[in-house]
Amino acid sequence: MEEINRKKKRLKAVQKALVELSEIYVLVEGQKDKQALEKIGIAKVLTISGNLRISVEKLQALGVSKVAILTDMDRRGFEQAKAAKEELEGASISADLEMRTIFARNLRLKFFEDIERKFEELKNEVEHYGENIH
């Protein structure tokens, strides 16, 4: 029973984060990440692969004040998150790295291109808990 409660808490944290993300812009590494986020309802997504400065300039032109950075949880992703944070803050845009950790921790996620699958898996585990217990 304790296991299902932990999974419900994880699911709730992810759902809350998704609601928050729907209100702001998100920076991701590449197209696969962008497509995965769009499939779960996050529409304001820009990629930073090869064009970080261009993405930041677009955000500035739109008057954006806060952006979530969702780069992968590998060495390259950490480096890109750091570079994006510096670039955003240099343009007076607040950079949110906490969302990245929330998804990684609660979905056991390393690569954001897997977010849709990991989210569905967690939802299914919670929804179907106990069906196979006799």
Protein backbone atom coordinates (compact mmCIF):
# COMPACT_ATOMS: atom_id res chain seq x y z
CA MET A 1 0.00 0.00 0.00
CA GLU A 2 2.88 2.33 0.77
CA GLU A 3 4.26 1.81 -2.74
CA ILE A 4 1.05 2.97 -4.42
CA ASN A 5 0.92 6.04 -2.17
CA ARG A 6 4.46 6.96 -3.25
CA LYS A 7 3.47 6.53 -6.90
CA LYS A 8 0.35 8.66 -6.39
CA LYS A 9 2.51 11.40 -4.84
CA ARG A 10 4.94 11.20 -7.77
CA LEU A 11 2.06 11.39 -10.27
CA LYS A 12 0.54 14.37 -8.47
CA ALA A 13 3.91 16.20 -8.50
CA VAL A 14 4.25 15.59 -12.26
CA GLN A 15 0.70 16.72 -12.99
CA LYS A 16 1.23 19.91 -10.94
CA ALA A 17 4.49 20.61 -12.80
CA LEU A 18 2.75 20.09 -16.16
CA VAL A 19 0.10 22.67 -15.23
CA GLU A 20 2.84 25.14 -14.30
CA LEU A 21 4.73 24.41 -17.55
CA SER A 22 1.64 25.08 -19.63
CA GLU A 23 1.87 28.72 -18.47
CA ILE A 24 5.51 29.41 -19.41
CA TYR A 25 8.04 28.80 -22.17
CA VAL A 26 10.30 25.77 -22.04
CA LEU A 27 13.77 25.24 -23.50
CA VAL A 28 14.75 21.69 -24.51
CA GLU A 29 17.77 20.23 -26.27
CA GLY A 30 16.30 19.04 -29.56
CA GLN A 31 13.29 18.22 -31.74
CA LYS A 32 12.54 14.82 -30.15
CA ASP A 33 12.30 16.47 -26.73
CA LYS A 34 10.08 19.22 -28.15
CA GLN A 35 7.76 16.70 -29.82
CA ALA A 36 7.50 14.61 -26.65
CA LEU A 37 6.50 17.64 -24.58
CA GLU A 38 3.99 18.76 -27.19
CA LYS A 39 2.37 15.30 -27.03
CA ILE A 40 1.65 15.81 -23.33
CA GLY A 41 0.20 19.29 -23.85
CA ILE A 42 3.16 21.63 -23.47
CA ALA A 43 2.97 24.01 -26.42
CA LYS A 44 5.46 26.80 -25.72
CA VAL A 45 8.65 24.85 -26.42
CA LEU A 46 11.85 26.09 -28.05
CA THR A 47 14.96 24.05 -28.82
CA ILE A 48 18.45 25.17 -27.90
CA SER A 49 20.44 22.72 -29.98
CA GLY A 50 22.74 24.89 -32.06
CA ASN A 51 20.67 28.04 -31.56
CA LEU A 52 20.58 28.98 -27.87
CA ARG A 53 21.17 32.66 -28.52
CA ILE A 54 18.44 32.76 -31.20
CA SER A 55 15.95 31.10 -28.83
CA VAL A 56 16.82 33.58 -26.08
CA GLU A 57 16.40 36.49 -28.49
CA LYS A 58 12.95 35.16 -29.46
CA LEU A 59 12.01 34.94 -25.79
CA GLN A 60 13.22 38.51 -25.21
CA ALA A 61 11.21 39.77 -28.18
CA LEU A 62 8.11 38.08 -26.74
CA GLY A 63 8.68 39.78 -23.39
CA VAL A 64 9.03 36.47 -21.56
CA SER A 65 10.16 36.81 -17.94
CA LYS A 66 10.52 33.14 -16.90
CA VAL A 67 11.57 29.99 -18.75
CA ALA A 68 11.88 26.37 -17.64
CA ILE A 69 14.98 24.53 -18.82
CA LEU A 70 14.37 20.83 -19.47
CA THR A 71 17.63 19.39 -20.72
CA ASP A 72 18.51 15.72 -20.35
CA MET A 73 19.93 14.41 -17.10
CA ASP A 74 23.31 13.50 -18.56
CA ARG A 75 26.63 15.37 -18.67
CA ARG A 76 25.76 17.17 -21.90
CA GLY A 77 22.31 18.09 -20.55
CA PHE A 78 23.82 19.56 -17.38
CA GLU A 79 26.27 21.59 -19.46
CA GLN A 80 23.49 22.86 -21.72
CA ALA A 81 21.29 23.71 -18.72
CA LYS A 82 24.11 25.76 -17.22
CA ALA A 83 24.78 27.57 -20.51
CA ALA A 84 21.06 28.25 -21.05
CA LYS A 85 20.66 29.58 -17.51
CA GLU A 86 23.60 31.96 -18.00
CA GLU A 87 22.31 33.13 -21.39
CA LEU A 88 18.76 33.65 -20.06
CA GLU A 89 19.87 35.50 -16.97
CA GLY A 90 22.13 37.67 -19.13
CA ALA A 91 18.95 38.66 -20.97
CA SER A 92 17.11 39.33 -17.67
CA ILE A 93 14.96 36.20 -18.02
CA SER A 94 14.47 33.99 -14.97
CA ALA A 95 15.64 30.40 -15.55
CA ASP A 96 13.79 27.57 -13.79
CA LEU A 97 15.90 24.43 -13.35
CA GLU A 98 13.68 22.95 -10.63
CA MET A 99 11.14 21.54 -13.12
CA ARG A 100 13.91 19.48 -14.68
CA THR A 101 14.59 17.84 -11.32
CA ILE A 102 10.90 17.32 -10.57
CA PHE A 103 10.39 15.35 -13.79
CA ALA A 104 13.65 13.43 -13.48
CA ARG A 105 12.94 12.37 -9.90
CA ASN A 106 9.24 11.59 -10.21
CA LEU A 107 9.29 9.90 -13.62
CA ARG A 108 12.69 8.25 -13.19
CA LEU A 109 13.57 10.18 -16.33
CA LYS A 110 17.00 10.65 -17.88
CA PHE A 111 16.07 11.81 -21.39
CA PHE A 112 13.19 14.21 -22.00
CA GLU A 113 12.32 12.55 -25.30
CA ASP A 114 10.98 9.72 -23.05
CA ILE A 115 8.69 11.97 -20.99
CA GLU A 116 5.45 10.94 -22.70
CA ARG A 117 6.14 7.22 -22.25
CA LYS A 118 7.33 7.59 -18.64
CA PHE A 119 4.31 9.74 -17.76
CA GLU A 120 1.90 7.20 -19.28
CA GLU A 121 3.64 4.35 -17.46
CA LEU A 122 3.29 6.08 -14.09
CA LYS A 123 -0.37 6.94 -14.77
CA ASN A 124 -1.10 3.33 -15.73
CA GLU A 125 0.66 1.96 -12.65
CA VAL A 126 -1.47 4.20 -10.42
CA GLU A 127 -4.73 3.60 -12.30
CA HIS A 128 -4.36 -0.16 -12.50
CA TYR A 129 -2.81 -0.81 -9.09
CA GLY A 130 -4.24 -3.91 -7.48
CA GLU A 131 -5.91 -5.34 -10.59
CA ASN A 132 -3.52 -8.29 -10.64
CA ILE A 133 -3.57 -8.91 -6.89
CA HIS A 134 -5.68 -11.86 -5.79
